[in-house]
Amino acid sequence: MNVFIIGISGSIGRLLTRQLQARGDTVRGLVRRQEQHAELEAQGVPSHVGDLAHMDTQALVEAIGDADAIVFTAGSNGGRPDVTRAIDGDGVDKAIEAARKAGVRRFALVSVLPESWRERELGEDVEYYFAVKKGADIALSRSDLDWLILRPSLLVDEPGAGTVSLGPAAFHEQIAREDVAETLATLLHEPRMGQRILELNQGTTPIREAVQANVRER
């Protein structure tokens, strides 16, 4: 599989790259800075330098090239509203349109659990972030692509457990980024896993079994 990752230089993007390469896949991605490009090139991972917030759709089409699948892992993490809109909202819209023009059907989006941080007093910027992420989920789910939306719970940098809770609905607790990356790679390699919204949390089911339990014949 030839996979193009938007957000390849982020934590999940890097972990996903390793997971996919271990499966024999070709991985490329979009980075914002030349030093990120150089670092990835040194690791044997081709990348395209471009600012998603400012590049037009055609430039993104050219960066995507002949990919078999697109994974969108970029995110503002609830920062300034203008950045949130440009990346988490308009950026997803742009990527959906670029996928269509590039002829790429498979599109996976790393989103967020709607219940995240509901126990906290959230500021306006974070509330706006959740609203924009929800809008992006809606836009992708109403597209004609072979889409997949993965909503992980609170991301942590602990070692992966290799076991998860995966399904149409999950509790919001926490999950290691390593487990998110492995789950996403496994989902991408399951062709029957399309047009689904799945929520992901720490759990006790081995990742491959958790994915297979959610397979729906099409």
Protein backbone atom coordinates (compact mmCIF):
# COMPACT_ATOMS: atom_id res chain seq x y z
CA MET A 1 0.00 0.00 0.00
CA ASN A 2 1.16 3.53 -0.81
CA VAL A 3 0.03 5.81 2.03
CA PHE A 4 0.21 9.61 2.18
CA ILE A 5 0.07 11.06 5.70
CA ILE A 6 -0.98 14.65 6.33
CA GLY A 7 0.67 15.35 9.67
CA ILE A 8 3.45 12.79 9.21
CA SER A 9 5.84 14.75 11.44
CA GLY A 10 3.48 14.62 14.43
CA SER A 11 3.57 12.00 17.17
CA ILE A 12 0.93 9.71 15.69
CA GLY A 13 2.15 10.34 12.14
CA ARG A 14 5.66 9.17 12.99
CA LEU A 15 4.44 6.10 14.87
CA LEU A 16 2.04 5.22 12.06
CA THR A 17 4.87 5.53 9.54
CA ARG A 18 6.87 2.92 11.44
CA GLN A 19 3.86 0.62 11.71
CA LEU A 20 3.13 0.83 7.98
CA GLN A 21 6.76 0.40 6.95
CA ALA A 22 6.95 -2.72 9.11
CA ARG A 23 4.09 -4.07 7.00
CA GLY A 24 6.01 -3.35 3.81
CA ASP A 25 4.04 -0.25 2.83
CA THR A 26 5.39 2.84 1.07
CA VAL A 27 4.83 5.94 3.20
CA ARG A 28 5.10 9.60 2.25
CA GLY A 29 3.69 12.73 3.84
CA LEU A 30 3.25 16.46 4.13
CA VAL A 31 5.44 18.55 6.43
CA ARG A 32 5.49 22.30 7.06
CA ARG A 33 9.22 22.90 7.51
CA GLN A 34 12.35 22.05 5.56
CA GLU A 35 14.09 20.64 8.66
CA GLN A 36 11.22 18.15 9.11
CA HIS A 37 11.64 17.15 5.48
CA ALA A 38 15.39 16.63 5.97
CA GLU A 39 14.86 14.57 9.11
CA LEU A 40 12.36 12.26 7.42
CA GLU A 41 14.52 11.95 4.31
CA ALA A 42 17.39 10.81 6.54
CA GLN A 43 15.09 8.05 7.78
CA GLY A 44 14.22 7.04 4.22
CA VAL A 45 10.74 8.60 4.32
CA PRO A 46 9.95 10.94 1.38
CA SER A 47 7.98 14.06 2.22
CA HIS A 48 6.60 17.18 0.57
CA VAL A 49 7.09 20.59 2.15
CA GLY A 50 3.93 22.67 2.23
CA ASP A 51 1.71 24.59 4.64
CA LEU A 52 -1.73 22.98 4.62
CA ALA A 53 -3.29 26.22 5.81
CA HIS A 54 -2.06 28.15 2.78
CA MET A 55 -1.47 25.69 -0.08
CA ASP A 56 -4.25 25.34 -2.64
CA THR A 57 -6.02 22.10 -3.51
CA GLN A 58 -4.02 21.50 -6.68
CA ALA A 59 -0.74 21.75 -4.78
CA LEU A 60 -2.02 19.14 -2.35
CA VAL A 61 -3.11 16.92 -5.25
CA GLU A 62 0.43 17.05 -6.64
CA ALA A 63 1.87 16.21 -3.22
CA ILE A 64 -0.48 13.22 -2.81
CA GLY A 65 0.52 11.81 -6.17
CA ASP A 66 -0.33 8.14 -6.75
CA ALA A 67 -1.21 7.25 -3.14
CA ASP A 68 -3.60 4.38 -2.42
CA ALA A 69 -4.76 5.95 0.84
CA ILE A 70 -4.63 9.26 2.69
CA VAL A 71 -4.39 9.54 6.46
CA PHE A 72 -5.13 12.91 8.07
CA THR A 73 -3.45 13.13 11.48
CA ALA A 74 -2.73 16.89 11.54
CA GLY A 75 -4.36 19.01 14.24
CA SER A 76 -4.19 22.31 16.07
CA ASN A 77 -4.84 20.76 19.51
CA GLY A 78 -7.25 23.51 20.48
CA GLY A 79 -4.99 26.50 19.91
CA ARG A 80 -5.88 29.80 18.26
CA PRO A 81 -9.28 29.68 16.53
CA ASP A 82 -7.88 30.82 13.17
CA VAL A 83 -5.34 27.99 13.21
CA THR A 84 -7.99 25.49 14.31
CA ARG A 85 -10.24 26.51 11.43
CA ALA A 86 -7.38 26.44 8.91
CA ILE A 87 -6.12 22.96 9.89
CA ASP A 88 -8.91 20.98 11.56
CA GLY A 89 -11.71 22.43 9.45
CA ASP A 90 -10.66 23.91 6.10
CA GLY A 91 -7.65 21.59 5.99
CA VAL A 92 -9.86 18.51 6.07
CA ASP A 93 -12.19 19.98 3.44
CA LYS A 94 -9.19 20.70 1.22
CA ALA A 95 -7.83 17.18 1.71
CA ILE A 96 -11.20 15.61 0.82
CA GLU A 97 -11.33 17.60 -2.41
CA ALA A 98 -7.69 16.79 -3.18
CA ALA A 99 -8.39 13.08 -2.64
CA ARG A 100 -11.21 13.23 -5.18
CA LYS A 101 -9.05 15.02 -7.75
CA ALA A 102 -6.13 12.66 -7.16
CA GLY A 103 -8.40 9.63 -7.52
CA VAL A 104 -7.71 8.37 -4.00
CA ARG A 105 -10.73 6.64 -2.50
CA ARG A 106 -9.39 5.55 0.90
CA PHE A 107 -9.30 8.38 3.47
CA ALA A 108 -8.75 7.94 7.21
CA LEU A 109 -9.21 10.83 9.65
CA VAL A 110 -7.91 10.88 13.22
CA SER A 111 -10.54 12.86 15.11
CA VAL A 112 -11.46 13.22 18.79
CA LEU A 113 -13.99 11.69 21.17
CA PRO A 114 -16.92 14.12 21.63
CA GLU A 115 -16.88 13.44 25.40
CA SER A 116 -13.24 14.46 25.76
CA TRP A 117 -12.59 16.73 28.75
CA ARG A 118 -16.29 17.21 29.47
CA GLU A 119 -15.43 16.94 33.15
CA ARG A 120 -13.30 20.07 32.84
CA GLU A 121 -14.04 23.77 32.48
CA LEU A 122 -13.06 24.33 28.87
CA GLY A 123 -12.18 27.69 27.41
CA GLU A 124 -13.72 29.12 24.27
CA ASP A 125 -10.78 28.10 22.06
CA VAL A 126 -11.05 24.44 23.07
CA GLU A 127 -14.83 24.42 22.70
CA TYR A 128 -14.36 25.87 19.22
CA TYR A 129 -11.82 23.12 18.49
CA PHE A 130 -14.38 20.42 19.34
CA ALA A 131 -17.01 22.12 17.18
CA VAL A 132 -14.64 22.30 14.20
CA LYS A 133 -13.56 18.66 14.64
CA LYS A 134 -17.22 17.63 14.65
CA GLY A 135 -17.79 19.59 11.45
CA ALA A 136 -14.85 17.81 9.81
CA ASP A 137 -16.29 14.42 10.83
CA ILE A 138 -19.59 15.38 9.23
CA ALA A 139 -17.94 16.60 6.02
CA LEU A 140 -15.95 13.39 5.57
CA SER A 141 -18.85 11.11 6.51
CA ARG A 142 -21.03 12.78 3.87
CA SER A 143 -18.40 12.49 1.16
CA ASP A 144 -18.33 9.81 -1.53
CA LEU A 145 -14.92 8.54 -0.41
CA ASP A 146 -14.16 5.20 1.23
CA TRP A 147 -13.71 7.00 4.55
CA LEU A 148 -12.83 5.97 8.08
CA ILE A 149 -13.00 8.20 11.17
CA LEU A 150 -11.07 7.11 14.27
CA ARG A 151 -11.83 8.92 17.54
CA PRO A 152 -9.20 8.12 20.20
CA SER A 153 -9.58 9.05 23.87
CA LEU A 154 -6.97 11.13 25.72
CA LEU A 155 -3.59 10.55 24.05
CA VAL A 156 -0.62 9.68 26.24
CA ASP A 157 3.02 8.87 25.51
CA GLU A 158 3.16 5.66 27.54
CA PRO A 159 4.30 2.42 25.86
CA GLY A 160 1.56 0.72 23.87
CA ALA A 161 -0.28 -2.15 25.54
CA GLY A 162 -1.27 -3.84 22.27
CA THR A 163 -4.83 -4.15 23.58
CA VAL A 164 -7.71 -1.70 23.15
CA SER A 165 -11.44 -1.10 23.29
CA LEU A 166 -12.71 -0.32 19.77
CA GLY A 167 -16.25 0.16 18.55
CA PRO A 168 -18.99 2.59 17.50
CA ALA A 169 -18.93 4.04 21.04
CA ALA A 170 -16.27 3.97 23.75
CA PHE A 171 -15.62 5.52 27.13
CA HIS A 172 -13.26 8.48 27.35
CA GLU A 173 -10.24 7.51 29.44
CA GLN A 174 -6.82 7.45 27.82
CA ILE A 175 -4.81 5.53 25.25
CA ALA A 176 -1.17 5.33 24.24
CA ARG A 177 -0.30 6.94 20.93
CA GLU A 178 1.50 3.70 20.00
CA ASP A 179 -1.79 1.81 20.30
CA VAL A 180 -3.57 4.43 18.20
CA ALA A 181 -0.97 4.09 15.45
CA GLU A 182 -1.08 0.28 15.48
CA THR A 183 -4.88 0.30 15.42
CA LEU A 184 -4.93 2.75 12.53
CA ALA A 185 -2.42 0.71 10.53
CA THR A 186 -4.45 -2.45 11.11
CA LEU A 187 -7.66 -0.69 10.07
CA LEU A 188 -6.04 0.56 6.86
CA HIS A 189 -5.12 -3.01 5.95
CA GLU A 190 -8.69 -4.24 6.41
CA PRO A 191 -10.49 -3.46 3.10
CA ARG A 192 -13.91 -4.19 4.61
CA MET A 193 -13.45 -1.41 7.16
CA GLY A 194 -14.89 1.59 5.35
CA GLN A 195 -17.47 4.31 5.92
CA ARG A 196 -17.25 3.77 9.66
CA ILE A 197 -16.84 5.96 12.73
CA LEU A 198 -14.98 4.08 15.45
CA GLU A 199 -14.05 5.21 18.94
CA LEU A 200 -10.89 3.97 20.60
CA ASN A 201 -9.95 3.64 24.25
CA GLN A 202 -7.62 1.56 26.39
CA GLY A 203 -8.95 -1.95 26.78
CA THR A 204 -8.20 -5.65 27.00
CA THR A 205 -8.79 -6.90 23.44
CA PRO A 206 -5.74 -7.47 21.22
CA ILE A 207 -5.72 -4.87 18.45
CA ARG A 208 -6.10 -7.27 15.53
CA GLU A 209 -9.01 -9.02 17.25
CA ALA A 210 -10.63 -5.67 18.05
CA VAL A 211 -10.46 -4.64 14.40
CA GLN A 212 -11.84 -7.95 13.14
CA ALA A 213 -14.71 -7.73 15.63
CA ASN A 214 -15.79 -4.51 13.90
CA VAL A 215 -15.63 -5.82 10.34
CA ARG A 216 -18.87 -5.40 8.45
CA GLU A 217 -19.32 -7.29 5.19
CA ARG A 218 -19.98 -4.93 2.29
